[in-house]
Amino acid sequence: MKIASIATLTAVSLGLGVSLANAAPVTYTIDPSHTYPSFEAPHMGISWWRGKVNSREGKVVLDREAQTGTVDLTLDATSVDFGHDKMNEHALSEDFFNVAAHPTITYTGKITFADGVPSGVDGQMTLLGNTQPLKLQIVSFKCIEHPLLKREVCGADAVGQFNRAAFGMDKYADGPLGQVKLRIQAEALRAEAP
């Protein structure tokens, strides 16, 4: 009986060790060539301007066993691109992104899970030096082995909405004119073990 108890205790301890090993958080580095933060903002209430941020970096940490994680993303505001030179020039001025004073936009948050899969981010965005809450909904998430790099790569599509006036970008932002739709298509590569 004593031997059986020791064997059971050893098995349980080994099982816990394996469980804890699998529960370790994993860090993924954002792949800037496959990550596209884009946004839509109303123009005079009759059409939509669509833009993107061409330069970005960051990381994601996931603990699938604990169903927790974090996102840390930095966007280069000077790389905002509407595909229209005059609009880009105006967007980077003091009227909007004011990149001379605020060259970066940051987003950090905690990942939420549903049914074992990342489903959203409770985060905060800093724009024009102002930090405000911004929740994202993750509408798709999938991980595979990268066919060339032979390391895990994860992809996600996240959406959110905010009013730019809340961040101090209040030029032409009365009421619904200040609403911005945000979409982030992202890929992140699992960091190599040290």
N, C-alpha and C. Protein backbone atom coordinates (compact mmCIF):
# COMPACT_ATOMS: atom_id res chain seq x y z
N MET A 1 0.83 -1.20 0.00
CA MET A 1 0.00 0.00 0.00
C MET A 1 0.87 1.25 0.00
N LYS A 2 1.94 1.19 0.79
CA LYS A 2 2.84 2.33 0.87
C LYS A 2 3.52 2.55 -0.47
N ILE A 3 3.95 1.45 -1.14
CA ILE A 3 4.60 1.55 -2.44
C ILE A 3 3.64 2.14 -3.47
N ALA A 4 2.38 1.69 -3.42
CA ALA A 4 1.37 2.21 -4.35
C ALA A 4 1.17 3.70 -4.14
N SER A 5 1.16 4.15 -2.87
CA SER A 5 0.97 5.57 -2.57
C SER A 5 2.13 6.39 -3.10
N ILE A 6 3.35 5.87 -2.92
CA ILE A 6 4.53 6.58 -3.43
C ILE A 6 4.49 6.67 -4.94
N ALA A 7 4.09 5.56 -5.59
CA ALA A 7 4.00 5.54 -7.05
C ALA A 7 2.96 6.54 -7.54
N THR A 8 1.83 6.60 -6.83
CA THR A 8 0.78 7.53 -7.21
C THR A 8 1.25 8.97 -7.05
N LEU A 9 1.91 9.25 -5.92
CA LEU A 9 2.41 10.60 -5.67
C LEU A 9 3.45 11.01 -6.72
N THR A 10 4.32 10.06 -7.08
CA THR A 10 5.34 10.34 -8.11
C THR A 10 4.68 10.64 -9.44
N ALA A 11 3.67 9.85 -9.80
CA ALA A 11 2.97 10.06 -11.08
C ALA A 11 2.28 11.41 -11.11
N VAL A 12 1.64 11.77 -9.99
CA VAL A 12 0.97 13.06 -9.91
C VAL A 12 1.98 14.20 -10.03
N SER A 13 3.12 14.06 -9.34
CA SER A 13 4.16 15.09 -9.40
C SER A 13 4.70 15.25 -10.81
N LEU A 14 4.94 14.11 -11.48
CA LEU A 14 5.43 14.18 -12.86
C LEU A 14 4.38 14.82 -13.76
N GLY A 15 3.12 14.46 -13.53
CA GLY A 15 2.04 15.04 -14.33
C GLY A 15 1.96 16.54 -14.16
N LEU A 16 2.12 17.00 -12.89
CA LEU A 16 2.11 18.44 -12.64
C LEU A 16 3.29 19.11 -13.31
N GLY A 17 4.45 18.43 -13.30
CA GLY A 17 5.63 19.00 -13.94
C GLY A 17 5.42 19.18 -15.42
N VAL A 18 4.81 18.17 -16.07
CA VAL A 18 4.53 18.27 -17.50
C VAL A 18 3.53 19.38 -17.76
N SER A 19 2.48 19.45 -16.90
CA SER A 19 1.45 20.47 -17.07
C SER A 19 2.04 21.87 -16.95
N LEU A 20 2.94 22.05 -15.94
CA LEU A 20 3.54 23.36 -15.76
C LEU A 20 4.46 23.71 -16.91
N ALA A 21 5.17 22.69 -17.44
CA ALA A 21 6.06 22.95 -18.57
C ALA A 21 5.26 23.41 -19.78
N ASN A 22 4.10 22.79 -20.00
CA ASN A 22 3.27 23.18 -21.13
C ASN A 22 2.60 24.53 -20.90
N ALA A 23 2.50 24.95 -19.63
CA ALA A 23 1.79 26.18 -19.32
C ALA A 23 2.68 27.40 -19.42
N ALA A 24 3.97 27.18 -19.72
CA ALA A 24 4.88 28.32 -19.78
C ALA A 24 4.46 29.30 -20.87
N PRO A 25 4.51 30.59 -20.58
CA PRO A 25 4.18 31.58 -21.60
C PRO A 25 5.16 31.51 -22.78
N VAL A 26 4.65 31.75 -23.97
CA VAL A 26 5.46 31.71 -25.19
C VAL A 26 5.42 33.10 -25.82
N THR A 27 6.58 33.59 -26.22
CA THR A 27 6.68 34.92 -26.83
C THR A 27 6.74 34.80 -28.35
N TYR A 28 5.97 35.65 -29.01
CA TYR A 28 5.94 35.72 -30.47
C TYR A 28 6.31 37.14 -30.89
N THR A 29 7.14 37.25 -31.91
CA THR A 29 7.55 38.55 -32.42
C THR A 29 6.70 38.91 -33.64
N ILE A 30 6.11 40.10 -33.61
CA ILE A 30 5.29 40.57 -34.73
C ILE A 30 6.14 40.60 -36.01
N ASP A 31 5.62 40.03 -37.08
CA ASP A 31 6.27 40.07 -38.38
C ASP A 31 5.78 41.33 -39.11
N PRO A 32 6.62 42.37 -39.20
CA PRO A 32 6.13 43.63 -39.79
C PRO A 32 5.76 43.51 -41.27
N SER A 33 6.34 42.53 -41.96
CA SER A 33 6.01 42.39 -43.39
C SER A 33 4.69 41.67 -43.62
N HIS A 34 4.10 41.13 -42.55
CA HIS A 34 2.81 40.45 -42.67
C HIS A 34 1.81 40.96 -41.64
N THR A 35 2.00 42.19 -41.19
CA THR A 35 1.11 42.81 -40.21
C THR A 35 0.66 44.16 -40.76
N TYR A 36 -0.66 44.36 -40.82
CA TYR A 36 -1.20 45.54 -41.48
C TYR A 36 -2.25 46.23 -40.62
N PRO A 37 -1.84 47.19 -39.78
CA PRO A 37 -2.84 48.01 -39.09
C PRO A 37 -3.46 48.99 -40.09
N SER A 38 -4.77 48.96 -40.20
CA SER A 38 -5.45 49.88 -41.11
C SER A 38 -6.65 50.50 -40.41
N PHE A 39 -7.14 51.60 -40.98
CA PHE A 39 -8.24 52.29 -40.33
C PHE A 39 -9.11 52.98 -41.36
N GLU A 40 -10.34 53.27 -40.95
CA GLU A 40 -11.30 54.00 -41.78
C GLU A 40 -11.85 55.15 -40.95
N ALA A 41 -11.92 56.32 -41.57
CA ALA A 41 -12.47 57.49 -40.88
C ALA A 41 -13.38 58.24 -41.84
N PRO A 42 -14.51 58.75 -41.36
CA PRO A 42 -15.44 59.44 -42.24
C PRO A 42 -14.89 60.76 -42.77
N HIS A 43 -15.23 61.06 -44.00
CA HIS A 43 -14.86 62.33 -44.62
C HIS A 43 -16.12 63.14 -44.89
N MET A 44 -16.35 64.16 -44.07
CA MET A 44 -17.52 65.04 -44.17
C MET A 44 -18.84 64.29 -44.05
N GLY A 45 -18.79 63.08 -43.55
CA GLY A 45 -20.02 62.30 -43.38
C GLY A 45 -20.59 61.73 -44.67
N ILE A 46 -19.83 61.83 -45.78
CA ILE A 46 -20.37 61.35 -47.06
C ILE A 46 -19.55 60.20 -47.66
N SER A 47 -18.31 60.02 -47.18
CA SER A 47 -17.48 58.93 -47.68
C SER A 47 -16.48 58.55 -46.60
N TRP A 48 -15.61 57.60 -46.87
CA TRP A 48 -14.64 57.12 -45.89
C TRP A 48 -13.23 57.24 -46.44
N TRP A 49 -12.33 57.83 -45.64
CA TRP A 49 -10.91 57.77 -45.93
C TRP A 49 -10.38 56.47 -45.35
N ARG A 50 -9.56 55.77 -46.10
CA ARG A 50 -8.95 54.54 -45.61
C ARG A 50 -7.43 54.69 -45.63
N GLY A 51 -6.82 54.34 -44.52
CA GLY A 51 -5.37 54.46 -44.41
C GLY A 51 -4.76 53.27 -43.72
N LYS A 52 -3.44 53.24 -43.71
CA LYS A 52 -2.72 52.16 -43.03
C LYS A 52 -1.45 52.73 -42.42
N VAL A 53 -0.82 51.94 -41.57
CA VAL A 53 0.44 52.32 -40.96
C VAL A 53 1.50 51.38 -41.53
N ASN A 54 2.48 51.95 -42.22
CA ASN A 54 3.44 51.13 -42.95
C ASN A 54 4.59 50.59 -42.11
N SER A 55 4.82 51.14 -40.93
CA SER A 55 5.93 50.69 -40.09
C SER A 55 5.42 50.33 -38.71
N ARG A 56 5.69 49.10 -38.26
CA ARG A 56 5.17 48.63 -36.98
C ARG A 56 6.08 47.54 -36.42
N GLU A 57 6.02 47.37 -35.10
CA GLU A 57 6.78 46.32 -34.43
C GLU A 57 6.08 45.98 -33.12
N GLY A 58 6.42 44.81 -32.58
CA GLY A 58 5.82 44.45 -31.31
C GLY A 58 5.97 42.99 -30.99
N LYS A 59 5.29 42.58 -29.93
CA LYS A 59 5.34 41.17 -29.52
C LYS A 59 4.02 40.78 -28.88
N VAL A 60 3.80 39.47 -28.89
CA VAL A 60 2.63 38.87 -28.25
C VAL A 60 3.14 37.76 -27.34
N VAL A 61 2.60 37.68 -26.14
CA VAL A 61 2.93 36.58 -25.23
C VAL A 61 1.66 35.80 -24.96
N LEU A 62 1.71 34.48 -25.17
CA LEU A 62 0.54 33.63 -24.97
C LEU A 62 0.85 32.51 -23.99
N ASP A 63 -0.06 32.26 -23.08
CA ASP A 63 -0.02 31.08 -22.21
C ASP A 63 -1.34 30.36 -22.45
N ARG A 64 -1.33 29.40 -23.37
CA ARG A 64 -2.58 28.74 -23.76
C ARG A 64 -3.18 27.92 -22.63
N GLU A 65 -2.32 27.33 -21.78
CA GLU A 65 -2.82 26.52 -20.67
C GLU A 65 -3.58 27.39 -19.67
N ALA A 66 -3.01 28.54 -19.36
CA ALA A 66 -3.64 29.46 -18.40
C ALA A 66 -4.69 30.35 -19.07
N GLN A 67 -4.72 30.32 -20.41
CA GLN A 67 -5.63 31.16 -21.19
C GLN A 67 -5.45 32.64 -20.84
N THR A 68 -4.19 33.05 -20.92
CA THR A 68 -3.83 34.45 -20.71
C THR A 68 -2.83 34.87 -21.78
N GLY A 69 -2.65 36.16 -21.90
CA GLY A 69 -1.67 36.66 -22.85
C GLY A 69 -1.63 38.16 -22.86
N THR A 70 -0.62 38.70 -23.54
CA THR A 70 -0.47 40.15 -23.65
C THR A 70 -0.09 40.53 -25.08
N VAL A 71 -0.38 41.77 -25.42
CA VAL A 71 -0.02 42.35 -26.71
C VAL A 71 0.72 43.64 -26.44
N ASP A 72 1.80 43.87 -27.19
CA ASP A 72 2.56 45.11 -27.08
C ASP A 72 2.94 45.52 -28.50
N LEU A 73 2.32 46.59 -29.00
CA LEU A 73 2.47 46.99 -30.39
C LEU A 73 2.86 48.47 -30.46
N THR A 74 3.86 48.78 -31.29
CA THR A 74 4.28 50.15 -31.52
C THR A 74 4.15 50.47 -33.00
N LEU A 75 3.45 51.55 -33.29
CA LEU A 75 3.25 51.98 -34.67
C LEU A 75 3.99 53.29 -34.92
N ASP A 76 4.63 53.39 -36.07
CA ASP A 76 5.33 54.61 -36.45
C ASP A 76 4.32 55.56 -37.10
N ALA A 77 3.91 56.58 -36.38
CA ALA A 77 2.89 57.50 -36.88
C ALA A 77 3.35 58.24 -38.13
N THR A 78 4.65 58.40 -38.30
CA THR A 78 5.15 59.09 -39.49
C THR A 78 4.94 58.27 -40.76
N SER A 79 4.59 56.98 -40.60
CA SER A 79 4.40 56.11 -41.76
C SER A 79 2.92 55.96 -42.14
N VAL A 80 2.04 56.75 -41.52
CA VAL A 80 0.62 56.70 -41.89
C VAL A 80 0.48 57.03 -43.38
N ASP A 81 -0.32 56.22 -44.07
CA ASP A 81 -0.39 56.34 -45.53
C ASP A 81 -1.84 56.16 -46.00
N PHE A 82 -2.37 57.20 -46.63
CA PHE A 82 -3.71 57.15 -47.21
C PHE A 82 -3.68 56.85 -48.71
N GLY A 83 -2.47 56.71 -49.26
CA GLY A 83 -2.37 56.50 -50.69
C GLY A 83 -2.62 57.77 -51.48
N HIS A 84 -2.49 58.93 -50.83
CA HIS A 84 -2.77 60.21 -51.46
C HIS A 84 -1.82 61.23 -50.82
N ASP A 85 -0.89 61.75 -51.59
CA ASP A 85 0.19 62.58 -51.04
C ASP A 85 -0.31 63.78 -50.25
N LYS A 86 -1.29 64.51 -50.80
CA LYS A 86 -1.80 65.70 -50.11
C LYS A 86 -2.47 65.34 -48.79
N MET A 87 -3.24 64.24 -48.82
CA MET A 87 -3.89 63.80 -47.58
C MET A 87 -2.85 63.35 -46.56
N ASN A 88 -1.82 62.65 -47.01
CA ASN A 88 -0.75 62.23 -46.09
C ASN A 88 -0.12 63.44 -45.41
N GLU A 89 0.17 64.46 -46.20
CA GLU A 89 0.79 65.67 -45.67
C GLU A 89 -0.10 66.33 -44.60
N HIS A 90 -1.39 66.40 -44.89
CA HIS A 90 -2.32 66.99 -43.93
C HIS A 90 -2.47 66.11 -42.69
N ALA A 91 -2.52 64.79 -42.90
CA ALA A 91 -2.71 63.86 -41.78
C ALA A 91 -1.54 63.91 -40.79
N LEU A 92 -0.34 64.13 -41.29
CA LEU A 92 0.83 64.15 -40.41
C LEU A 92 1.02 65.50 -39.70
N SER A 93 0.23 66.49 -40.09
CA SER A 93 0.36 67.84 -39.52
C SER A 93 -0.26 67.93 -38.12
N GLU A 94 -0.19 69.12 -37.54
CA GLU A 94 -0.74 69.36 -36.20
C GLU A 94 -2.25 69.14 -36.15
N ASP A 95 -2.92 69.22 -37.28
CA ASP A 95 -4.37 69.03 -37.29
C ASP A 95 -4.77 67.61 -36.90
N PHE A 96 -3.90 66.64 -37.20
CA PHE A 96 -4.27 65.25 -36.97
C PHE A 96 -3.20 64.50 -36.16
N PHE A 97 -2.29 63.79 -36.79
CA PHE A 97 -1.35 62.94 -36.06
C PHE A 97 -0.21 63.72 -35.39
N ASN A 98 0.04 64.93 -35.83
CA ASN A 98 1.05 65.79 -35.22
C ASN A 98 2.35 65.01 -34.94
N VAL A 99 2.90 64.43 -35.99
CA VAL A 99 4.04 63.52 -35.82
C VAL A 99 5.31 64.22 -35.34
N ALA A 100 5.40 65.52 -35.54
CA ALA A 100 6.57 66.25 -35.04
C ALA A 100 6.67 66.14 -33.52
N ALA A 101 5.51 66.13 -32.85
CA ALA A 101 5.48 66.04 -31.38
C ALA A 101 5.22 64.63 -30.89
N HIS A 102 4.51 63.82 -31.70
CA HIS A 102 4.11 62.48 -31.27
C HIS A 102 4.36 61.47 -32.39
N PRO A 103 5.60 61.04 -32.56
CA PRO A 103 5.94 60.17 -33.70
C PRO A 103 5.50 58.71 -33.57
N THR A 104 5.05 58.29 -32.39
CA THR A 104 4.65 56.89 -32.23
C THR A 104 3.25 56.77 -31.63
N ILE A 105 2.62 55.65 -31.95
CA ILE A 105 1.34 55.24 -31.37
C ILE A 105 1.60 53.88 -30.74
N THR A 106 1.14 53.69 -29.52
CA THR A 106 1.35 52.40 -28.88
C THR A 106 0.02 51.77 -28.48
N TYR A 107 0.03 50.45 -28.46
CA TYR A 107 -1.15 49.71 -28.00
C TYR A 107 -0.66 48.54 -27.14
N THR A 108 -1.17 48.45 -25.93
CA THR A 108 -0.84 47.34 -25.03
C THR A 108 -2.13 46.80 -24.45
N GLY A 109 -2.15 45.51 -24.19
CA GLY A 109 -3.37 44.95 -23.62
C GLY A 109 -3.24 43.51 -23.19
N LYS A 110 -4.28 43.04 -22.54
CA LYS A 110 -4.37 41.66 -22.08
C LYS A 110 -5.33 40.90 -22.98
N ILE A 111 -4.89 39.73 -23.43
CA ILE A 111 -5.70 38.90 -24.33
C ILE A 111 -6.73 38.13 -23.53
N THR A 112 -7.96 38.12 -24.02
CA THR A 112 -9.01 37.31 -23.42
C THR A 112 -9.26 36.08 -24.30
N PHE A 113 -9.74 35.02 -23.68
CA PHE A 113 -9.97 33.76 -24.38
C PHE A 113 -11.44 33.36 -24.31
N ALA A 114 -11.87 32.62 -25.32
CA ALA A 114 -13.19 31.98 -25.32
C ALA A 114 -13.02 30.60 -25.92
N ASP A 115 -13.46 29.59 -25.21
CA ASP A 115 -13.33 28.19 -25.66
C ASP A 115 -11.89 27.84 -25.99
N GLY A 116 -10.95 28.36 -25.19
CA GLY A 116 -9.54 28.01 -25.36
C GLY A 116 -8.80 28.75 -26.45
N VAL A 117 -9.46 29.72 -27.09
CA VAL A 117 -8.86 30.44 -28.21
C VAL A 117 -8.89 31.94 -27.93
N PRO A 118 -7.82 32.69 -28.28
CA PRO A 118 -7.86 34.14 -28.10
C PRO A 118 -9.06 34.75 -28.81
N SER A 119 -9.81 35.57 -28.10
CA SER A 119 -11.05 36.13 -28.66
C SER A 119 -11.11 37.65 -28.61
N GLY A 120 -10.20 38.27 -27.86
CA GLY A 120 -10.24 39.73 -27.76
C GLY A 120 -9.04 40.25 -27.00
N VAL A 121 -8.94 41.57 -26.96
CA VAL A 121 -7.88 42.23 -26.19
C VAL A 121 -8.51 43.39 -25.42
N ASP A 122 -8.30 43.40 -24.11
CA ASP A 122 -8.66 44.55 -23.28
C ASP A 122 -7.42 45.40 -23.18
N GLY A 123 -7.38 46.48 -23.97
CA GLY A 123 -6.14 47.22 -24.06
C GLY A 123 -6.28 48.71 -23.92
N GLN A 124 -5.14 49.36 -24.09
CA GLN A 124 -5.07 50.82 -24.04
C GLN A 124 -4.21 51.30 -25.21
N MET A 125 -4.68 52.33 -25.88
CA MET A 125 -3.91 52.94 -26.95
C MET A 125 -3.46 54.32 -26.53
N THR A 126 -2.21 54.64 -26.87
CA THR A 126 -1.68 55.98 -26.64
C THR A 126 -1.49 56.65 -27.98
N LEU A 127 -2.22 57.73 -28.19
CA LEU A 127 -2.21 58.50 -29.43
C LEU A 127 -2.14 59.98 -29.06
N LEU A 128 -1.24 60.71 -29.68
CA LEU A 128 -1.03 62.13 -29.35
C LEU A 128 -0.72 62.33 -27.87
N GLY A 129 -0.07 61.35 -27.26
CA GLY A 129 0.29 61.44 -25.85
C GLY A 129 -0.85 61.16 -24.89
N ASN A 130 -2.05 60.84 -25.41
CA ASN A 130 -3.21 60.53 -24.58
C ASN A 130 -3.47 59.03 -24.59
N THR A 131 -3.68 58.46 -23.41
CA THR A 131 -3.94 57.03 -23.29
C THR A 131 -5.40 56.81 -22.93
N GLN A 132 -6.06 55.98 -23.74
CA GLN A 132 -7.47 55.68 -23.52
C GLN A 132 -7.71 54.18 -23.72
N PRO A 133 -8.75 53.62 -23.06
CA PRO A 133 -9.06 52.21 -23.26
C PRO A 133 -9.49 51.95 -24.70
N LEU A 134 -9.10 50.79 -25.22
CA LEU A 134 -9.52 50.37 -26.55
C LEU A 134 -9.59 48.85 -26.59
N LYS A 135 -10.80 48.33 -26.73
CA LYS A 135 -10.98 46.89 -26.81
C LYS A 135 -10.95 46.45 -28.27
N LEU A 136 -10.33 45.32 -28.51
CA LEU A 136 -10.32 44.71 -29.84
C LEU A 136 -11.02 43.36 -29.77
N GLN A 137 -11.73 43.03 -30.82
CA GLN A 137 -12.32 41.70 -30.96
C GLN A 137 -11.46 40.92 -31.95
N ILE A 138 -11.03 39.74 -31.55
CA ILE A 138 -10.26 38.88 -32.45
C ILE A 138 -11.25 38.00 -33.21
N VAL A 139 -11.39 38.27 -34.50
CA VAL A 139 -12.40 37.55 -35.29
C VAL A 139 -11.85 36.27 -35.92
N SER A 140 -10.53 36.15 -35.99
CA SER A 140 -9.93 34.89 -36.43
C SER A 140 -8.56 34.74 -35.80
N PHE A 141 -8.18 33.50 -35.51
CA PHE A 141 -6.88 33.21 -34.90
C PHE A 141 -6.48 31.79 -35.28
N LYS A 142 -5.24 31.64 -35.74
CA LYS A 142 -4.76 30.31 -36.12
C LYS A 142 -3.24 30.27 -36.06
N CYS A 143 -2.70 29.13 -35.62
CA CYS A 143 -1.26 28.92 -35.59
C CYS A 143 -0.89 27.70 -36.43
N ILE A 144 0.23 27.79 -37.14
CA ILE A 144 0.74 26.67 -37.94
C ILE A 144 2.26 26.66 -37.82
N GLU A 145 2.88 25.62 -38.34
CA GLU A 145 4.34 25.63 -38.47
C GLU A 145 4.68 26.36 -39.76
N HIS A 146 5.56 27.36 -39.64
CA HIS A 146 5.96 28.12 -40.83
C HIS A 146 6.67 27.17 -41.80
N PRO A 147 6.22 27.10 -43.05
CA PRO A 147 6.78 26.11 -43.98
C PRO A 147 8.25 26.33 -44.30
N LEU A 148 8.75 27.54 -44.18
CA LEU A 148 10.15 27.81 -44.49
C LEU A 148 11.02 27.87 -43.24
N LEU A 149 10.52 28.53 -42.21
CA LEU A 149 11.32 28.75 -41.00
C LEU A 149 11.22 27.60 -40.00
N LYS A 150 10.24 26.71 -40.20
CA LYS A 150 10.04 25.55 -39.33
C LYS A 150 9.87 25.95 -37.87
N ARG A 151 9.19 27.06 -37.66
CA ARG A 151 8.82 27.51 -36.33
C ARG A 151 7.36 27.89 -36.36
N GLU A 152 6.74 27.87 -35.19
CA GLU A 152 5.32 28.20 -35.12
C GLU A 152 5.09 29.67 -35.47
N VAL A 153 4.08 29.91 -36.29
CA VAL A 153 3.67 31.27 -36.61
C VAL A 153 2.16 31.35 -36.40
N CYS A 154 1.71 32.43 -35.80
CA CYS A 154 0.28 32.61 -35.52
C CYS A 154 -0.23 33.85 -36.26
N GLY A 155 -1.44 33.75 -36.74
CA GLY A 155 -2.07 34.87 -37.42
C GLY A 155 -3.38 35.22 -36.76
N ALA A 156 -3.70 36.51 -36.76
CA ALA A 156 -4.94 36.98 -36.16
C ALA A 156 -5.49 38.15 -36.95
N ASP A 157 -6.78 38.31 -36.85
CA ASP A 157 -7.47 39.45 -37.45
C ASP A 157 -8.29 40.08 -36.33
N ALA A 158 -7.97 41.32 -35.98
CA ALA A 158 -8.64 41.99 -34.86
C ALA A 158 -9.29 43.29 -35.32
N VAL A 159 -10.44 43.60 -34.74
CA VAL A 159 -11.16 44.81 -35.11
C VAL A 159 -11.56 45.58 -33.85
N GLY A 160 -11.68 46.90 -34.02
CA GLY A 160 -12.11 47.75 -32.91
C GLY A 160 -12.61 49.08 -33.44
N GLN A 161 -13.07 49.92 -32.55
CA GLN A 161 -13.60 51.23 -32.94
C GLN A 161 -13.35 52.21 -31.80
N PHE A 162 -13.02 53.45 -32.17
CA PHE A 162 -12.80 54.48 -31.15
C PHE A 162 -13.16 55.84 -31.74
N ASN A 163 -13.32 56.82 -30.85
CA ASN A 163 -13.55 58.19 -31.28
C ASN A 163 -12.24 58.95 -31.12
N ARG A 164 -11.72 59.47 -32.22
CA ARG A 164 -10.41 60.11 -32.18
C ARG A 164 -10.41 61.38 -31.32
N ALA A 165 -11.56 61.99 -31.15
CA ALA A 165 -11.63 63.19 -30.32
C ALA A 165 -11.24 62.89 -28.88
N ALA A 166 -11.47 61.66 -28.43
CA ALA A 166 -11.12 61.27 -27.07
C ALA A 166 -9.61 61.31 -26.84
N PHE A 167 -8.85 61.24 -27.93
CA PHE A 167 -7.39 61.29 -27.84
C PHE A 167 -6.84 62.69 -28.14
N GLY A 168 -7.72 63.65 -28.35
CA GLY A 168 -7.29 65.00 -28.64
C GLY A 168 -7.18 65.31 -30.12
N MET A 169 -7.52 64.33 -30.98
CA MET A 169 -7.52 64.56 -32.43
C MET A 169 -8.93 65.01 -32.80
N ASP A 170 -9.25 66.26 -32.46
CA ASP A 170 -10.64 66.71 -32.54
C ASP A 170 -10.97 67.60 -33.73
N LYS A 171 -10.04 67.77 -34.65
CA LYS A 171 -10.32 68.56 -35.85
C LYS A 171 -11.35 67.83 -36.71
N TYR A 172 -12.44 68.49 -37.04
CA TYR A 172 -13.53 67.89 -37.83
C TYR A 172 -14.02 66.58 -37.22
N ALA A 173 -14.13 66.52 -35.91
CA ALA A 173 -14.47 65.26 -35.24
C ALA A 173 -15.77 65.33 -34.45
N ASP A 174 -16.67 66.25 -34.82
CA ASP A 174 -17.93 66.37 -34.09
C ASP A 174 -18.79 65.12 -34.28
N GLY A 175 -19.28 64.60 -33.17
CA GLY A 175 -20.21 63.46 -33.21
C GLY A 175 -19.64 62.27 -33.97
N PRO A 176 -20.43 61.70 -34.88
CA PRO A 176 -20.00 60.49 -35.59
C PRO A 176 -18.82 60.73 -36.53
N LEU A 177 -18.50 61.99 -36.83
CA LEU A 177 -17.36 62.27 -37.71
C LEU A 177 -16.03 61.90 -37.06
N GLY A 178 -16.05 61.74 -35.73
CA GLY A 178 -14.82 61.36 -35.03
C GLY A 178 -14.61 59.87 -34.93
N GLN A 179 -15.60 59.07 -35.35
CA GLN A 179 -15.49 57.62 -35.22
C GLN A 179 -14.47 57.05 -36.20
N VAL A 180 -13.63 56.17 -35.68
CA VAL A 180 -12.60 55.50 -36.49
C VAL A 180 -12.74 53.99 -36.33
N LYS A 181 -12.78 53.30 -37.45
CA LYS A 181 -12.80 51.83 -37.43
C LYS A 181 -11.37 51.35 -37.62
N LEU A 182 -10.94 50.47 -36.73
CA LEU A 182 -9.56 49.97 -36.74
C LEU A 182 -9.57 48.49 -37.05
N ARG A 183 -8.63 48.07 -37.89
CA ARG A 183 -8.49 46.65 -38.20
C ARG A 183 -7.00 46.31 -38.21
N ILE A 184 -6.64 45.23 -37.54
CA ILE A 184 -5.23 44.82 -37.51
C ILE A 184 -5.14 43.36 -37.94
N GLN A 185 -4.57 43.14 -39.12
CA GLN A 185 -4.23 41.80 -39.54
C GLN A 185 -2.78 41.58 -39.14
N ALA A 186 -2.52 40.54 -38.35
CA ALA A 186 -1.17 40.37 -37.81
C ALA A 186 -0.69 38.93 -37.93
N GLU A 187 0.60 38.79 -38.13
CA GLU A 187 1.28 37.50 -38.01
C GLU A 187 2.45 37.68 -37.06
N ALA A 188 2.67 36.68 -36.22
CA ALA A 188 3.75 36.74 -35.24
C ALA A 188 4.45 35.40 -35.18
N LEU A 189 5.77 35.44 -35.16
CA LEU A 189 6.60 34.25 -35.21
C LEU A 189 7.11 33.91 -33.81
N ARG A 190 6.98 32.64 -33.44
CA ARG A 190 7.46 32.21 -32.13
C ARG A 190 8.95 32.48 -32.01
N ALA A 191 9.32 33.11 -30.88
CA ALA A 191 10.73 33.43 -30.65
C ALA A 191 11.52 32.14 -30.47
N GLU A 192 12.74 32.14 -30.97
CA GLU A 192 13.60 30.96 -30.81
C GLU A 192 14.04 30.87 -29.35
N ALA A 193 14.19 29.64 -28.89
CA ALA A 193 14.64 29.43 -27.52
C ALA A 193 16.04 29.99 -27.35
N PRO A 194 16.32 30.61 -26.19
CA PRO A 194 17.65 31.20 -25.98
C PRO A 194 18.73 30.14 -25.92
